[in-house]
Amino acid sequence: MREKRIIKEIMAIFLIVGLVLIGLGTYFLVKDIKNNANCYKVKVRITQKEQVGEDSYLYYVDYTVNGETYSHIAYKPVNSDNAHLGGTEKAYADKDNPYNLRRRMGPAIIIILYVMGGAFLFVGVISGIKEVRTKKIKKNYYVYAEIYDVVVDYSTAVNGVCPFVIKCRYVEPETGEVIVFKSEHCYDDPGIVYSPGEQVKVYLEDKTYKNYVVDLEKFKSLGLG
């Protein structure tokens, strides 16, 4: 059960991180749009660098606005690669007060935030949809299938633990075809609860047998998972 909880917590973390990254991207995008309207675009050049702590530095820059040069203005570079004497980068200078510099995040950072946020959100949403779909399938009809094996899925591991999978089979009455079903991952050994030849419910979304859920209620009622 602990591993199952970890998976759900990871799913929630992916959703939260995705939303936070997209939120940051939106914040910087809106900020850049406002700065574009209210500020001058300038190119600052670092002319002085002072150490104010063990790993902290204060930077001073020069830049030009409408032909007038502004010197020795405190500034913190966006890109650490530019944080050296002579280093340059684009920034904003307030139209009402050109001495007031604003950092420019630029489209690259915003795009990276959106892409990373979208990736995290995609994983979280897909996991959530799968969880909802499982609950929905359980509301449809079911058949009884016979357990014939309990195996370890070595292709997956959570905290170094590989889960168990119950395999069961069902004979389609109209065609005689043997349909094999696999349970969801179990991180406690289901072999202590189920025996070969035992019948379990398998909930079906439709008669194609493609989308299904093996009922593990007996297993989970004991606090196992």
Protein backbone atom coordinates (compact mmCIF):
# COMPACT_ATOMS: atom_id res chain seq x y z
CA MET A 1 0.00 0.00 0.00
CA ARG A 2 2.88 2.37 0.76
CA GLU A 3 4.14 2.11 -2.83
CA LYS A 4 0.62 2.85 -4.16
CA ARG A 5 0.43 5.94 -2.00
CA ILE A 6 3.85 7.02 -3.27
CA ILE A 7 2.62 6.70 -6.88
CA LYS A 8 -0.46 8.84 -6.14
CA GLU A 9 1.70 11.41 -4.35
CA ILE A 10 4.08 11.53 -7.32
CA MET A 11 1.08 12.04 -9.64
CA ALA A 12 -0.09 14.96 -7.48
CA ILE A 13 3.43 16.43 -7.42
CA PHE A 14 3.61 16.29 -11.24
CA LEU A 15 0.30 18.17 -11.47
CA ILE A 16 1.38 20.82 -8.96
CA VAL A 17 4.82 21.32 -10.53
CA GLY A 18 3.26 21.56 -13.99
CA LEU A 19 0.76 24.20 -12.85
CA VAL A 20 3.48 26.18 -11.03
CA LEU A 21 5.79 26.19 -14.08
CA ILE A 22 2.98 27.25 -16.42
CA GLY A 23 1.96 29.90 -13.88
CA LEU A 24 5.52 31.26 -13.79
CA GLY A 25 5.67 31.28 -17.57
CA THR A 26 2.39 33.22 -17.72
CA TYR A 27 3.60 35.65 -15.04
CA PHE A 28 6.80 36.43 -16.92
CA LEU A 29 4.90 36.67 -20.23
CA VAL A 30 2.43 39.21 -18.82
CA LYS A 31 5.28 41.10 -17.16
CA ASP A 32 7.21 41.28 -20.45
CA ILE A 33 4.11 42.52 -22.30
CA LYS A 34 3.63 45.30 -19.74
CA ASN A 35 7.32 46.21 -19.83
CA ASN A 36 7.22 46.38 -23.62
CA ALA A 37 4.51 49.02 -23.35
CA ASN A 38 5.92 51.03 -20.42
CA CYS A 39 9.69 50.73 -20.85
CA TYR A 40 12.55 51.33 -23.24
CA LYS A 41 14.44 48.30 -24.49
CA VAL A 42 18.10 48.75 -23.63
CA LYS A 43 21.34 46.79 -23.75
CA VAL A 44 23.22 46.93 -20.45
CA ARG A 45 26.96 46.35 -20.08
CA ILE A 46 28.53 45.33 -16.76
CA THR A 47 31.25 47.81 -15.79
CA GLN A 48 31.81 46.92 -12.15
CA LYS A 49 31.45 43.81 -9.98
CA GLU A 50 31.65 43.91 -6.17
CA GLN A 51 31.66 40.94 -3.82
CA VAL A 52 29.21 41.52 -0.95
CA GLY A 53 29.19 38.01 0.52
CA GLU A 54 30.83 34.62 0.24
CA ASP A 55 28.96 33.84 -2.99
CA SER A 56 27.11 37.11 -3.57
CA TYR A 57 28.03 39.91 -5.95
CA LEU A 58 26.69 43.37 -6.75
CA TYR A 59 26.84 44.45 -10.39
CA TYR A 60 26.83 47.91 -11.93
CA VAL A 61 26.01 48.59 -15.57
CA ASP A 62 26.03 51.32 -18.21
CA TYR A 63 23.37 51.74 -20.92
CA THR A 64 21.98 54.34 -23.28
CA VAL A 65 18.41 55.66 -23.58
CA ASN A 66 17.52 58.14 -26.36
CA GLY A 67 21.18 59.12 -26.77
CA GLU A 68 21.74 59.69 -23.04
CA THR A 69 24.14 57.39 -21.17
CA TYR A 70 23.29 56.12 -17.70
CA SER A 71 26.24 54.87 -15.66
CA HIS A 72 26.91 52.91 -12.47
CA ILE A 73 23.34 51.57 -12.15
CA ALA A 74 22.84 48.54 -9.89
CA TYR A 75 21.62 45.49 -11.78
CA LYS A 76 21.33 41.72 -11.37
CA PRO A 77 21.96 39.72 -14.58
CA VAL A 78 19.33 37.22 -15.68
CA ASN A 79 21.88 34.93 -17.30
CA SER A 80 24.84 33.90 -15.11
CA ASP A 81 26.96 33.56 -18.26
CA ASN A 82 26.74 37.35 -18.62
CA ALA A 83 27.75 38.02 -15.00
CA HIS A 84 31.28 39.27 -15.69
CA LEU A 85 32.97 42.54 -16.52
CA GLY A 86 32.01 43.50 -20.04
CA GLY A 87 29.08 41.11 -20.07
CA THR A 88 25.95 42.39 -21.84
CA GLU A 89 22.28 41.50 -21.97
CA LYS A 90 18.94 43.03 -22.87
CA ALA A 91 16.88 44.79 -20.20
CA TYR A 92 14.11 47.38 -19.73
CA ALA A 93 14.47 50.98 -18.56
CA ASP A 94 11.35 52.66 -17.17
CA LYS A 95 10.05 55.43 -19.47
CA ASP A 96 9.11 57.62 -16.49
CA ASN A 97 12.43 57.00 -14.75
CA PRO A 98 15.18 55.53 -16.98
CA TYR A 99 17.35 54.97 -13.92
CA ASN A 100 14.92 52.23 -12.93
CA LEU A 101 16.07 49.02 -14.66
CA ARG A 102 13.93 45.94 -15.04
CA ARG A 103 15.23 42.53 -15.99
CA ARG A 104 14.04 41.01 -19.26
CA MET A 105 13.33 37.27 -19.07
CA GLY A 106 13.03 36.90 -22.83
CA PRO A 107 10.99 34.39 -24.88
CA ALA A 108 13.43 31.50 -24.40
CA ILE A 109 12.89 31.29 -20.62
CA ILE A 110 9.11 31.63 -21.02
CA ILE A 111 9.01 28.89 -23.67
CA ILE A 112 11.13 26.58 -21.48
CA LEU A 113 8.76 27.14 -18.53
CA TYR A 114 5.72 26.40 -20.70
CA VAL A 115 7.27 23.28 -22.24
CA MET A 116 8.43 21.88 -18.90
CA GLY A 117 5.13 22.78 -17.23
CA GLY A 118 3.17 21.19 -20.07
CA ALA A 119 5.21 17.98 -19.81
CA PHE A 120 4.67 17.69 -16.04
CA LEU A 121 0.99 18.54 -16.41
CA PHE A 122 0.55 16.00 -19.23
CA VAL A 123 1.96 13.15 -17.11
CA GLY A 124 -0.20 14.16 -14.13
CA VAL A 125 -3.39 14.52 -16.18
CA ILE A 126 -2.88 11.23 -18.04
CA SER A 127 -2.40 9.44 -14.69
CA GLY A 128 -5.54 11.12 -13.35
CA ILE A 129 -7.58 10.18 -16.43
CA LYS A 130 -6.43 6.58 -16.06
CA GLU A 131 -7.59 6.58 -12.42
CA VAL A 132 -11.00 8.04 -13.34
CA ARG A 133 -11.39 5.61 -16.23
CA THR A 134 -10.70 2.69 -13.92
CA LYS A 135 -13.48 3.81 -11.60
CA LYS A 136 -15.81 4.28 -14.56
CA ILE A 137 -15.12 0.79 -15.93
CA LYS A 138 -16.04 -0.71 -12.55
CA LYS A 139 -19.56 0.63 -13.02
CA ASN A 140 -20.06 -1.47 -16.19
CA TYR A 141 -20.69 -5.19 -16.47
CA TYR A 142 -18.27 -7.96 -15.51
CA VAL A 143 -17.32 -11.59 -16.12
CA TYR A 144 -15.64 -14.17 -13.89
CA ALA A 145 -12.12 -15.22 -14.85
CA GLU A 146 -9.91 -17.98 -13.44
CA ILE A 147 -6.59 -17.09 -11.81
CA TYR A 148 -3.77 -19.16 -13.23
CA ASP A 149 -0.58 -17.33 -12.25
CA VAL A 150 0.97 -14.58 -10.12
CA VAL A 151 4.14 -13.08 -11.62
CA VAL A 152 6.60 -10.27 -10.89
CA ASP A 153 6.74 -7.41 -13.40
CA TYR A 154 10.49 -6.75 -13.61
CA SER A 155 9.96 -3.95 -16.14
CA THR A 156 8.65 -1.62 -13.41
CA ALA A 157 10.04 -0.66 -10.01
CA VAL A 158 9.11 1.84 -7.28
CA ASN A 159 11.82 2.45 -4.68
CA GLY A 160 13.59 -0.63 -6.05
CA VAL A 161 10.53 -2.85 -5.54
CA CYS A 162 9.07 -4.70 -8.55
CA PRO A 163 5.29 -5.22 -8.40
CA PHE A 164 3.27 -8.43 -8.70
CA VAL A 165 0.63 -9.01 -11.40
CA ILE A 166 -2.22 -11.50 -11.28
CA LYS A 167 -2.93 -13.32 -14.53
CA CYS A 168 -6.37 -14.80 -15.12
CA ARG A 169 -8.20 -16.27 -18.09
CA TYR A 170 -11.74 -16.25 -19.39
CA VAL A 171 -13.24 -18.43 -22.13
CA GLU A 172 -15.43 -16.40 -24.47
CA PRO A 173 -18.67 -18.43 -24.62
CA GLU A 174 -19.58 -17.59 -28.22
CA THR A 175 -16.19 -18.15 -29.86
CA GLY A 176 -14.34 -20.34 -27.34
CA GLU A 177 -11.43 -17.87 -27.43
CA VAL A 178 -9.31 -17.72 -24.26
CA ILE A 179 -9.00 -14.12 -23.08
CA VAL A 180 -6.09 -13.34 -20.72
CA PHE A 181 -6.47 -10.51 -18.21
CA LYS A 182 -3.75 -8.92 -16.07
CA SER A 183 -4.39 -7.12 -12.81
CA GLU A 184 -3.03 -3.72 -11.84
CA HIS A 185 0.33 -3.69 -10.06
CA CYS A 186 0.34 -5.11 -6.53
CA TYR A 187 3.23 -4.28 -4.20
CA ASP A 188 2.14 -6.86 -1.64
CA ASP A 189 2.17 -10.49 -2.75
CA PRO A 190 -1.38 -11.36 -3.91
CA GLY A 191 -0.41 -15.03 -3.69
CA ILE A 192 -1.09 -14.91 0.05
CA VAL A 193 -4.75 -14.13 -0.70
CA TYR A 194 -5.53 -15.72 -4.07
CA SER A 195 -4.95 -19.29 -5.22
CA PRO A 196 -4.65 -20.74 -8.74
CA GLY A 197 -8.08 -21.76 -10.02
CA GLU A 198 -9.88 -19.11 -7.94
CA GLN A 199 -12.49 -17.01 -9.75
CA VAL A 200 -12.32 -13.19 -9.72
CA LYS A 201 -14.49 -10.53 -11.26
CA VAL A 202 -13.16 -8.67 -14.28
CA TYR A 203 -15.03 -5.45 -15.04
CA LEU A 204 -15.34 -4.66 -18.76
CA GLU A 205 -15.90 -1.39 -20.57
CA ASP A 206 -17.31 -3.26 -23.58
CA LYS A 207 -17.23 -6.68 -25.22
CA THR A 208 -13.96 -6.04 -27.04
CA TYR A 209 -12.17 -7.00 -23.76
CA LYS A 210 -9.57 -4.29 -24.42
CA ASN A 211 -10.39 -2.05 -21.45
CA TYR A 212 -10.93 -3.88 -18.20
CA VAL A 213 -10.15 -3.91 -14.47
CA VAL A 214 -9.45 -7.07 -12.48
CA ASP A 215 -11.35 -6.80 -9.19
CA LEU A 216 -8.95 -6.97 -6.22
CA GLU A 217 -11.51 -6.08 -3.54
CA LYS A 218 -10.71 -9.20 -1.45
CA PHE A 219 -7.01 -8.27 -1.57
CA LYS A 220 -7.48 -4.58 -0.79
CA SER A 221 -9.99 -5.20 2.02
CA LEU A 222 -7.08 -6.63 4.02
CA GLY A 223 -5.15 -3.38 3.69
CA LEU A 224 -2.91 -4.81 0.97
CA GLY A 225 -2.16 -3.20 -2.32
